């Protein structure tokens, strides 16, 4: 959402309307017929039905007119360290200071340029209260020194930051208006269905009060933006400058906050993403009350359940969140959860995919109790966990790849020399992978040199003998289940035999 072309060209697209003339005639008492170019005919009833279907397409005019006054333009200024230009030895002019492409952009649309040593950005937002509270994206305001909000009537106000939440890219800012402001109601994003009409309003490329429409292309998208990814995907045109603006349903209710696009050029290609307003409601409420967000903390590291891991853990199908790590003295450990548990429900809500769990935990109040249902050894068990508070850490979902006899890896004991080489802690247990054969099951599974194997087929590994025994015991199995530590996080890897 931050890519801006250096020069914005203009283009005019002319549309030519082609009119097909129908020929009608009256033949005695025969009904009136409409003849097409191929000699076939339709009755008046079918023509009326077609017209009715056309008339049934929605108009967004009323919604746009009603909502647009509550959508604002947000521009920011941030001081930056100015780059130096050096005078090179010898004659000739001093090399010119290279102009920031954003300066051309602002000069084109605002008739000025930022002072030297300053940087500007542009985005959108929407008013949620008559006294001036405005929702936008965290990345729109960033570390701005000055935030200017321009209303639809061109009146400008300086804004102050009430609070930001980088993990969800949501920010709440406030202006002090001269009178009551128009607002936009917040809707219910959970009621959205794929195929529903939606409308985006914002300031793409500085073009104020631009309305675009499309449909909901998908829900629950994970795009790698953060631990709480749950985006609405839409083909409503979203471009740089739309960030922070509202995505609305046909009732004119906000169902999402436009936040990101998928694009190789920086412009719209029909794949935009919006933060569901249901997620934003709780975030904004906390920002308004205390200027920050507190989240529940379960104290586990999780990863997706792949088809190979599902087989290894005796699951009929991939589902749930696989516990790869349990934080020492954390809420989960105190309640009895263990590494290798597959969390399939949280407070009665089924976990179909691992990315669903962090959001559910985060939205739970700190200090509250949660019912966590897991699969352990093929049997369901439920634990009552008192949630802690998430600090700077965050739940991580590491992806395991697939893989398989010759497993294609060499291991060695953890010597002081290897520990220094791979920066391992002195207390680290297991064996270290020193070599991975290209194209082998180990490589296909994602195993890398430097990984420390802590378990083989759920058996703890402390020495080479432990490793060899565990490998021999599993020689007749189709998959080899490894628990390996890489850096500060352990993940399960399922190696599949080549067949």
Protein backbone atom coordinates (compact mmCIF):
# COMPACT_ATOMS: atom_id res chain seq x y z
CA UNK A 1 0.00 0.00 0.00
CA UNK A 2 2.98 2.32 0.12
CA UNK A 3 4.22 2.12 -3.48
CA UNK A 4 3.65 5.43 -5.30
CA UNK A 5 4.57 5.90 -8.97
CA UNK A 6 7.06 8.72 -9.55
CA UNK A 7 4.89 10.20 -12.27
CA UNK A 8 1.14 9.67 -12.42
CA UNK A 9 0.06 9.65 -16.04
CA UNK A 10 -3.37 10.46 -17.31
CA UNK A 11 -5.42 8.34 -19.61
CA UNK A 12 -8.84 8.71 -21.16
CA UNK A 13 -10.81 5.60 -21.95
CA UNK A 14 -13.56 6.12 -24.46
CA UNK A 15 -16.42 3.69 -24.47
CA UNK A 16 -18.45 3.14 -27.59
CA UNK A 17 -22.01 2.02 -27.10
CA UNK A 18 -23.38 -0.43 -29.65
CA UNK A 19 -27.14 -0.56 -30.03
CA UNK A 20 -28.84 -3.57 -31.53
CA UNK A 21 -32.16 -2.62 -33.05
CA UNK A 22 -35.01 -5.09 -32.68
CA UNK A 23 -37.55 -5.39 -35.51
CA UNK A 24 -41.13 -5.93 -34.54
CA UNK A 25 -44.15 -6.81 -36.67
CA UNK A 26 -47.74 -7.77 -36.20
CA UNK A 27 -48.92 -10.92 -37.94
CA UNK A 28 -52.69 -11.26 -37.55
CA UNK A 29 -53.48 -12.32 -34.00
CA UNK A 30 -49.95 -13.57 -33.24
CA UNK A 31 -48.27 -12.15 -30.15
CA UNK A 32 -45.73 -9.36 -30.53
CA UNK A 33 -42.35 -10.88 -31.26
CA UNK A 34 -38.81 -9.54 -30.88
CA UNK A 35 -36.59 -10.92 -33.64
CA UNK A 36 -32.84 -11.22 -33.09
CA UNK A 37 -30.18 -11.24 -35.79
CA UNK A 38 -30.29 -15.02 -36.10
CA UNK A 39 -34.00 -15.32 -36.70
CA UNK A 40 -34.97 -16.64 -33.24
CA UNK A 41 -37.60 -14.88 -31.14
CA UNK A 42 -38.49 -14.12 -27.55
CA UNK A 43 -41.83 -13.25 -26.05
CA UNK A 44 -42.41 -9.95 -24.30
CA UNK A 45 -42.52 -11.82 -21.00
CA UNK A 46 -38.91 -13.00 -21.29
CA UNK A 47 -37.78 -9.53 -22.33
CA UNK A 48 -39.47 -8.05 -19.27
CA UNK A 49 -37.83 -10.67 -17.07
CA UNK A 50 -34.41 -9.77 -18.43
CA UNK A 51 -35.08 -6.09 -17.82
CA UNK A 52 -36.17 -6.91 -14.28
CA UNK A 53 -32.90 -8.71 -13.62
CA UNK A 54 -30.94 -5.72 -14.87
CA UNK A 55 -32.95 -3.36 -12.69
CA UNK A 56 -32.28 -5.63 -9.71
CA UNK A 57 -28.54 -4.75 -9.74
CA UNK A 58 -27.84 -2.49 -6.78
CA UNK A 59 -27.07 1.22 -7.01
CA UNK A 60 -24.46 2.53 -4.60
CA UNK A 61 -25.37 6.18 -5.09
CA UNK A 62 -27.43 6.57 -1.92
CA UNK A 63 -24.88 4.72 0.19
CA UNK A 64 -21.99 6.75 -1.17
CA UNK A 65 -23.84 10.02 -0.64
CA UNK A 66 -24.71 9.10 2.93
CA UNK A 67 -21.29 7.78 3.99
CA UNK A 68 -18.79 9.96 2.10
CA UNK A 69 -18.97 12.94 4.51
CA UNK A 70 -17.60 10.69 7.29
CA UNK A 71 -14.56 9.57 5.27
CA UNK A 72 -11.46 11.73 5.73
CA UNK A 73 -8.11 12.34 4.11
CA UNK A 74 -5.10 11.88 6.40
CA UNK A 75 -1.67 13.32 5.63
CA UNK A 76 1.35 13.09 7.90
CA UNK A 77 4.74 14.74 8.18
CA UNK A 78 7.75 13.10 9.75
CA UNK A 79 11.23 14.50 10.30
CA UNK A 80 13.97 12.43 8.72
CA UNK A 81 17.73 12.66 8.61
CA UNK A 82 18.54 14.45 5.39
CA UNK A 83 20.97 12.70 3.10
CA UNK A 84 24.22 14.51 2.45
CA UNK A 85 25.60 15.23 -0.98
CA UNK A 86 29.37 15.36 -1.21
CA UNK A 87 31.50 17.59 -3.36
CA UNK A 88 33.85 15.40 -5.30
CA UNK A 89 37.44 16.47 -5.93
CA UNK A 90 38.09 18.41 -9.10
CA UNK A 91 36.15 20.93 -11.12
CA UNK A 92 32.49 20.73 -12.00
CA UNK A 93 29.15 21.46 -10.36
CA UNK A 94 28.10 19.99 -7.03
CA UNK A 95 25.98 16.83 -7.52
CA UNK A 96 22.30 17.75 -7.04
CA UNK A 97 20.32 16.48 -4.08
CA UNK A 98 18.14 13.63 -5.29
CA UNK A 99 14.44 14.42 -4.98
CA UNK A 100 12.18 12.05 -3.05
CA UNK A 101 9.48 10.68 -5.43
CA UNK A 102 6.87 11.48 -2.76
CA UNK A 103 7.69 15.18 -3.20
CA UNK A 104 6.60 15.09 -6.85
CA UNK A 105 3.41 13.36 -5.76
CA UNK A 106 2.51 15.98 -3.17
CA UNK A 107 3.45 18.87 -5.41
CA UNK A 108 1.16 17.52 -8.15
CA UNK A 109 -1.88 17.14 -5.90
CA UNK A 110 -1.31 19.70 -3.15
CA UNK A 111 0.73 22.35 -4.94
CA UNK A 112 3.61 22.26 -2.49
CA UNK A 113 6.45 20.09 -1.30
CA UNK A 114 7.56 19.11 2.18
CA UNK A 115 10.32 21.21 3.71
CA UNK A 116 13.86 19.78 3.50
CA UNK A 117 14.41 16.97 5.96
CA UNK A 118 10.76 15.96 6.14
CA UNK A 119 8.79 13.07 4.70
CA UNK A 120 5.08 12.84 4.02
CA UNK A 121 2.59 10.03 3.70
CA UNK A 122 -1.05 9.86 2.73
CA UNK A 123 -3.99 7.71 3.73
CA UNK A 124 -7.66 7.62 4.66
CA UNK A 125 -9.79 7.20 7.75
CA UNK A 126 -13.41 7.35 8.90
CA UNK A 127 -15.18 9.18 11.72
CA UNK A 128 -16.89 7.03 14.36
CA UNK A 129 -18.04 9.71 16.82
CA UNK A 130 -19.42 13.24 16.47
CA UNK A 131 -16.69 14.58 18.77
CA UNK A 132 -13.91 13.53 16.39
CA UNK A 133 -12.62 9.99 16.97
CA UNK A 134 -11.28 8.54 13.72
CA UNK A 135 -10.16 5.01 12.81
CA UNK A 136 -7.29 4.48 10.40
CA UNK A 137 -4.31 2.15 9.88
CA UNK A 138 -1.32 2.15 12.17
CA UNK A 139 1.00 2.24 9.16
CA UNK A 140 -0.71 5.39 7.87
CA UNK A 141 0.34 7.50 10.85
CA UNK A 142 3.54 5.59 11.69
CA UNK A 143 5.91 7.78 13.72
CA UNK A 144 4.49 11.03 12.34
CA UNK A 145 5.39 14.32 13.96
CA UNK A 146 2.27 15.97 12.58
CA UNK A 147 -1.06 14.49 11.45
CA UNK A 148 -3.50 16.56 9.38
CA UNK A 149 -7.08 15.44 8.80
CA UNK A 150 -9.01 16.95 5.91
CA UNK A 151 -12.78 16.53 5.96
CA UNK A 152 -14.99 16.17 2.90
CA UNK A 153 -15.80 19.90 3.07
CA UNK A 154 -12.04 20.68 2.82
CA UNK A 155 -11.80 21.87 6.45
CA UNK A 156 -8.52 20.71 8.03
CA UNK A 157 -7.68 19.82 11.63
CA UNK A 158 -4.56 18.72 13.44
CA UNK A 159 -5.01 15.28 14.99
CA UNK A 160 -3.48 13.58 18.00
CA UNK A 161 -2.83 9.86 18.40
CA UNK A 162 -5.02 8.16 21.00
CA UNK A 163 -3.42 4.75 20.51
CA UNK A 164 -2.02 2.33 17.94
CA UNK A 165 -1.81 -1.44 17.64
CA UNK A 166 0.85 -2.54 15.17
CA UNK A 167 -0.03 -6.23 15.46
CA UNK A 168 -3.41 -5.59 13.81
CA UNK A 169 -2.43 -2.37 11.97
CA UNK A 170 -5.19 -0.35 13.66
CA UNK A 171 -4.90 3.20 14.99
CA UNK A 172 -7.30 5.61 16.70
CA UNK A 173 -6.76 9.35 16.32
CA UNK A 174 -8.76 12.38 17.52
CA UNK A 175 -9.52 15.86 16.22
CA UNK A 176 -11.33 18.69 18.04
CA UNK A 177 -14.05 19.87 15.66
CA UNK A 178 -16.00 23.13 15.79
CA UNK A 179 -19.28 21.22 15.81
CA UNK A 180 -20.78 17.72 15.57
CA UNK A 181 -19.29 15.63 12.79
CA UNK A 182 -20.96 13.11 10.45
CA UNK A 183 -20.25 9.50 11.42
CA UNK A 184 -20.43 6.09 9.82
CA UNK A 185 -21.97 3.09 11.65
CA UNK A 186 -19.97 -0.07 12.33
CA UNK A 187 -21.49 -3.26 10.93
CA UNK A 188 -21.03 -7.00 11.43
CA UNK A 189 -18.20 -8.51 9.39
CA UNK A 190 -19.10 -12.04 10.49
CA UNK A 191 -22.34 -11.71 8.51
CA UNK A 192 -20.43 -11.14 5.27
CA UNK A 193 -20.53 -13.90 2.70
CA UNK A 194 -18.25 -14.53 -0.24
CA UNK A 195 -19.93 -12.86 -3.21
CA UNK A 196 -21.54 -10.03 -1.24
CA UNK A 197 -21.29 -6.53 -2.69
CA UNK A 198 -18.94 -4.14 -0.89
CA UNK A 199 -17.85 -0.55 -1.45
CA UNK A 200 -14.55 1.17 -0.65
CA UNK A 201 -14.21 4.92 -0.12
CA UNK A 202 -10.89 6.67 0.25
CA UNK A 203 -8.21 8.83 -1.30
CA UNK A 204 -6.23 6.67 -3.74
CA UNK A 205 -3.19 8.54 -5.06
CA UNK A 206 -4.53 11.69 -3.41
CA UNK A 207 -7.79 11.64 -5.39
CA UNK A 208 -10.21 12.52 -2.59
CA UNK A 209 -13.59 10.88 -2.01
CA UNK A 210 -13.10 8.12 -4.56
CA UNK A 211 -15.73 5.35 -4.51
CA UNK A 212 -15.04 1.85 -5.85
CA UNK A 213 -17.17 -1.27 -5.67
CA UNK A 214 -16.66 -5.00 -5.89
CA UNK A 215 -17.47 -8.19 -4.05
CA UNK A 216 -16.09 -10.15 -1.12
CA UNK A 217 -13.65 -12.50 -2.83
CA UNK A 218 -12.69 -14.53 0.26
CA UNK A 219 -12.68 -14.42 4.05
CA UNK A 220 -10.11 -15.44 6.65
CA UNK A 221 -7.12 -14.72 4.43
CA UNK A 222 -3.65 -15.13 5.97
CA UNK A 223 -1.14 -12.93 4.16
CA UNK A 224 1.76 -12.95 6.61
CA UNK A 225 1.08 -9.45 7.92
CA UNK A 226 1.04 -10.56 11.57
CA UNK A 227 -0.03 -13.16 14.10
CA UNK A 228 -3.71 -12.20 13.86
CA UNK A 229 -4.21 -12.33 10.10
CA UNK A 230 -7.88 -12.80 9.27
CA UNK A 231 -8.38 -10.52 6.28
CA UNK A 232 -11.38 -9.94 4.06
CA UNK A 233 -10.28 -10.19 0.44
CA UNK A 234 -12.09 -7.98 -2.07
CA UNK A 235 -11.81 -7.01 -5.72
CA UNK A 236 -13.10 -3.50 -5.00
CA UNK A 237 -10.31 -1.30 -6.35
CA UNK A 238 -7.89 -0.38 -3.52
CA UNK A 239 -4.73 1.63 -4.16
CA UNK A 240 -2.08 3.57 -2.22
CA UNK A 241 -3.96 6.24 -0.27
CA UNK A 242 -6.94 3.96 0.41
CA UNK A 243 -5.25 2.59 3.54
CA UNK A 244 -7.34 3.20 6.63
CA UNK A 245 -10.53 3.89 4.69
CA UNK A 246 -13.76 1.94 5.18
CA UNK A 247 -15.03 -1.11 3.36
CA UNK A 248 -18.84 -0.92 3.49
CA UNK A 249 -21.81 -3.19 2.90
CA UNK A 250 -24.93 -2.15 0.99
CA UNK A 251 -26.44 -0.69 4.18
CA UNK A 252 -23.57 1.77 4.46
CA UNK A 253 -22.09 0.02 7.50
CA UNK A 254 -18.33 -0.43 7.90
CA UNK A 255 -17.43 -4.11 7.63
CA UNK A 256 -13.68 -3.69 7.18
CA UNK A 257 -10.70 -1.33 7.24
CA UNK A 258 -8.84 -1.27 3.93
CA UNK A 259 -5.27 -2.15 4.75
CA UNK A 260 -3.23 -3.90 2.06
CA UNK A 261 -3.08 -4.92 -1.57
CA UNK A 262 -1.35 -7.71 -3.41
CA UNK A 263 0.49 -6.12 -6.30
CA UNK A 264 3.83 -6.28 -8.08
CA UNK A 265 3.44 -2.77 -9.47
CA UNK A 266 2.05 -0.99 -6.40
CA UNK A 267 -1.32 -0.47 -8.11
CA UNK A 268 -4.61 -2.33 -7.93
CA UNK A 269 -4.89 -5.71 -9.67
CA UNK A 270 -8.12 -6.78 -8.00
CA UNK A 271 -6.70 -8.30 -4.82
CA UNK A 272 -7.21 -6.06 -1.80
CA UNK A 273 -7.41 -6.87 1.89
CA UNK A 274 -9.40 -5.34 4.72
CA UNK A 275 -9.28 -5.88 8.48
CA UNK A 276 -12.65 -7.27 9.69
CA UNK A 277 -14.49 -4.64 11.72
CA UNK A 278 -15.44 -7.25 14.34
CA UNK A 279 -11.74 -7.56 15.22
CA UNK A 280 -11.31 -3.79 15.15
CA UNK A 281 -14.18 -3.09 17.55
CA UNK A 282 -12.46 -4.58 20.58
CA UNK A 283 -9.12 -3.05 19.60
CA UNK A 284 -10.59 0.45 19.18
CA UNK A 285 -12.50 0.15 22.46
CA UNK A 286 -9.27 -0.60 24.35
CA UNK A 287 -7.35 2.15 22.56
CA UNK A 288 -10.05 4.65 23.45
CA UNK A 289 -10.16 3.63 27.10
CA UNK A 290 -6.45 3.18 27.88
CA UNK A 291 -4.44 4.00 24.77
CA UNK A 292 -3.08 0.47 24.39
CA UNK A 293 -4.20 -3.10 23.83
CA UNK A 294 -3.86 -5.99 26.27
CA UNK A 295 -4.25 -9.55 25.06
CA UNK A 296 -4.76 -12.94 26.58
CA UNK A 297 -1.77 -15.29 26.58
CA UNK A 298 -1.88 -19.09 26.50
CA UNK A 299 1.86 -19.75 26.56
CA UNK A 300 2.30 -22.15 23.64
CA UNK A 301 4.11 -22.11 20.33
CA UNK A 302 1.97 -23.60 17.58
CA UNK A 303 2.26 -24.75 14.00
CA UNK A 304 -0.16 -25.96 11.29
CA UNK A 305 -1.17 -29.61 11.07
CA UNK A 306 -0.10 -30.81 7.61
CA UNK A 307 -1.46 -34.05 6.09
CA UNK A 308 1.80 -35.82 6.99
CA UNK A 309 1.73 -34.55 10.58
CA UNK A 310 -1.93 -35.55 10.84
CA UNK A 311 -0.98 -39.15 9.98
CA UNK A 312 1.89 -39.07 12.46
CA UNK A 313 -0.43 -37.96 15.25
CA UNK A 314 -3.22 -40.39 14.35
CA UNK A 315 -5.65 -37.76 13.01
CA UNK A 316 -8.13 -38.64 10.28
CA UNK A 317 -7.66 -35.23 8.66
CA UNK A 318 -5.52 -32.10 9.16
CA UNK A 319 -7.15 -29.85 11.75
CA UNK A 320 -6.37 -27.88 14.84
CA UNK A 321 -3.16 -26.25 16.06
CA UNK A 322 -0.19 -28.45 16.92
CA UNK A 323 1.60 -27.46 20.11
CA UNK A 324 5.30 -27.42 19.24
CA UNK A 325 6.48 -25.63 22.35
CA UNK A 326 5.11 -24.95 25.84
CA UNK A 327 6.48 -21.90 27.66
CA UNK A 328 8.02 -22.81 31.00
CA UNK A 329 5.82 -21.70 33.91
CA UNK A 330 3.29 -20.31 31.43
CA UNK A 331 -0.51 -20.72 31.68
CA UNK A 332 -0.59 -23.79 29.42
CA UNK A 333 2.17 -25.65 31.29
CA UNK A 334 0.57 -24.92 34.65
CA UNK A 335 -2.71 -26.36 33.37
CA UNK A 336 -1.20 -29.57 31.99
CA UNK A 337 -0.88 -28.93 28.25
CA UNK A 338 2.07 -30.68 26.62
CA UNK A 339 4.14 -30.50 23.50
CA UNK A 340 2.50 -32.66 20.82
CA UNK A 341 -1.05 -31.85 21.90
CA UNK A 342 -3.31 -30.80 19.04
CA UNK A 343 -5.65 -27.99 20.15
CA UNK A 344 -9.00 -28.56 18.45
CA UNK A 345 -11.25 -26.16 20.41
CA UNK A 346 -10.93 -23.00 22.49
CA UNK A 347 -13.86 -22.03 24.72
CA UNK A 348 -16.13 -24.19 22.61
CA UNK A 349 -15.02 -22.71 19.28
CA UNK A 350 -13.61 -25.36 16.97
CA UNK A 351 -10.11 -24.74 15.61
CA UNK A 352 -10.01 -25.81 11.98
CA UNK A 353 -6.72 -24.11 11.17
CA UNK A 354 -3.85 -23.05 13.41
CA UNK A 355 -4.10 -19.34 12.48
CA UNK A 356 -7.53 -19.15 14.13
CA UNK A 357 -6.19 -19.83 17.64
CA UNK A 358 -4.00 -16.73 18.28
CA UNK A 359 -6.87 -14.36 17.53
CA UNK A 360 -9.29 -16.21 19.83
CA UNK A 361 -6.77 -16.22 22.68
CA UNK A 362 -5.82 -12.57 22.14
CA UNK A 363 -9.45 -11.42 22.32
CA UNK A 364 -9.96 -13.17 25.66
CA UNK A 365 -9.59 -10.98 28.78
CA UNK A 366 -6.37 -11.29 30.75
CA UNK A 367 -6.98 -13.36 33.89
CA UNK A 368 -10.05 -15.10 32.50
CA UNK A 369 -10.33 -18.89 32.35
CA UNK A 370 -10.57 -20.74 29.07
CA UNK A 371 -11.58 -24.29 28.20
CA UNK A 372 -8.94 -25.77 25.89
CA UNK A 373 -9.75 -29.08 24.18
CA UNK A 374 -6.86 -31.12 22.79
CA UNK A 375 -6.21 -34.43 21.10
CA UNK A 376 -3.56 -36.43 22.93
CA UNK A 377 -2.82 -39.97 21.85
CA UNK A 378 -6.01 -40.02 19.79
CA UNK A 379 -8.21 -39.08 22.76
CA UNK A 380 -9.86 -35.77 23.56
CA UNK A 381 -8.94 -34.03 26.81
CA UNK A 382 -10.13 -30.66 28.10
CA UNK A 383 -8.08 -28.35 30.30
CA UNK A 384 -9.08 -25.21 32.16
CA UNK A 385 -6.43 -22.53 31.65
CA UNK A 386 -6.16 -19.17 33.41
CA UNK A 387 -4.89 -16.84 30.70
CA UNK A 388 -1.96 -14.53 31.29
CA UNK A 389 -1.11 -11.26 29.56
CA UNK A 390 0.72 -11.25 26.26
CA UNK A 391 3.78 -9.01 26.47
CA UNK A 392 6.09 -8.25 23.57
CA UNK A 393 6.13 -11.86 22.50
CA UNK A 394 3.52 -13.24 20.17
CA UNK A 395 2.10 -16.63 19.25
CA UNK A 396 4.05 -18.04 16.32
CA UNK A 397 2.77 -20.45 13.72
CA UNK A 398 5.71 -22.06 11.97
CA UNK A 399 4.99 -23.97 8.80
CA UNK A 400 6.39 -27.46 8.38
CA UNK A 401 6.96 -28.86 4.93
CA UNK A 402 6.46 -32.41 3.77
CA UNK A 403 8.99 -35.14 3.29
CA UNK A 404 11.03 -39.44 3.79
CA UNK A 405 14.62 -44.56 4.20
CA UNK A 406 17.81 -43.22 3.95
CA UNK A 407 16.43 -40.03 5.48
CA UNK A 408 19.19 -37.97 3.95
CA UNK A 409 20.80 -36.28 6.96
CA UNK A 410 23.91 -36.62 9.09
CA UNK A 411 23.86 -35.82 12.80
CA UNK A 412 26.48 -35.34 15.49
CA UNK A 413 26.61 -34.85 19.25
CA UNK A 414 26.48 -31.24 20.45
CA UNK A 415 30.13 -30.50 21.17
CA UNK A 416 31.30 -27.15 22.58
CA UNK A 417 32.72 -26.31 19.15
CA UNK A 418 29.41 -27.03 17.35
CA UNK A 419 27.49 -25.19 20.05
CA UNK A 420 29.62 -22.08 19.43
CA UNK A 421 29.38 -22.46 15.67
CA UNK A 422 25.60 -22.67 15.68
CA UNK A 423 25.13 -20.36 18.70
CA UNK A 424 23.42 -22.95 20.88
CA UNK A 425 22.76 -22.67 24.59
CA UNK A 426 24.99 -24.78 26.83
CA UNK A 427 21.94 -26.59 28.23
CA UNK A 428 20.65 -27.62 24.80
CA UNK A 429 19.82 -31.36 24.57
CA UNK A 430 19.65 -33.49 21.42
CA UNK A 431 21.80 -34.09 18.36
CA UNK A 432 22.70 -31.52 15.73
CA UNK A 433 22.16 -31.89 11.99
CA UNK A 434 25.48 -31.33 10.25
CA UNK A 435 24.56 -32.24 6.67
CA UNK A 436 21.41 -32.59 4.58
CA UNK A 437 21.45 -34.43 1.25
CA UNK A 438 19.87 -32.46 -1.64
CA UNK A 439 16.54 -33.92 -2.71
CA UNK A 440 16.36 -36.19 0.32
CA UNK A 441 13.31 -36.63 2.58
CA UNK A 442 15.05 -34.48 5.19
CA UNK A 443 15.55 -31.59 2.77
CA UNK A 444 12.03 -31.92 1.38
CA UNK A 445 10.72 -31.72 4.94
CA UNK A 446 12.64 -28.52 5.60
CA UNK A 447 15.42 -29.85 7.83
CA UNK A 448 18.55 -27.68 7.70
CA UNK A 449 22.14 -27.99 8.98
CA UNK A 450 22.25 -26.53 12.47
CA UNK A 451 18.82 -27.85 13.45
CA UNK A 452 18.87 -29.64 16.79
CA UNK A 453 16.78 -32.82 16.86
CA UNK A 454 15.13 -33.10 20.26
CA UNK A 455 12.67 -35.94 19.57
CA UNK A 456 12.27 -38.78 17.07
CA UNK A 457 8.78 -40.30 16.87
CA UNK A 458 7.97 -38.63 20.21
CA UNK A 459 11.00 -40.16 21.93
CA UNK A 460 13.38 -37.67 23.64
CA UNK A 461 16.87 -37.58 22.13
CA UNK A 462 19.94 -36.83 24.26
CA UNK A 463 22.67 -38.70 22.39
CA UNK A 464 23.61 -40.32 19.11
CA UNK A 465 22.67 -43.73 20.59
CA UNK A 466 19.19 -42.42 21.40
CA UNK A 467 18.87 -41.13 17.85
CA UNK A 468 20.00 -44.40 16.24
CA UNK A 469 17.66 -46.49 18.39
CA UNK A 470 14.71 -44.28 17.58
CA UNK A 471 15.52 -44.36 13.84
CA UNK A 472 15.82 -48.18 13.93
CA UNK A 473 12.53 -48.53 15.79
CA UNK A 474 10.77 -46.51 13.11
CA UNK A 475 12.36 -48.10 10.04
CA UNK A 476 9.10 -49.78 8.97
CA UNK A 477 7.03 -46.60 9.24
CA UNK A 478 6.14 -44.46 6.25
CA UNK A 479 6.91 -41.26 8.09
CA UNK A 480 9.52 -40.17 10.57
CA UNK A 481 8.33 -37.51 13.02
CA UNK A 482 11.07 -35.18 14.23
CA UNK A 483 10.98 -32.35 16.73
CA UNK A 484 13.77 -29.97 15.85
CA UNK A 485 14.84 -26.66 17.36
CA UNK A 486 15.93 -23.84 15.09
CA UNK A 487 16.97 -20.68 16.86
CA UNK A 488 14.55 -20.10 19.70
CA UNK A 489 11.65 -22.17 18.42
CA UNK A 490 10.95 -25.90 18.07
CA UNK A 491 8.83 -27.34 15.26
CA UNK A 492 7.64 -30.79 14.22
CA UNK A 493 8.78 -32.12 10.85
CA UNK A 494 7.29 -35.17 9.13
CA UNK A 495 9.72 -36.97 6.80
CA UNK A 496 8.07 -39.21 4.23
CA UNK A 497 9.73 -42.15 2.60
CA UNK A 498 10.21 -41.90 -1.13
CA UNK A 499 7.91 -44.31 -2.84
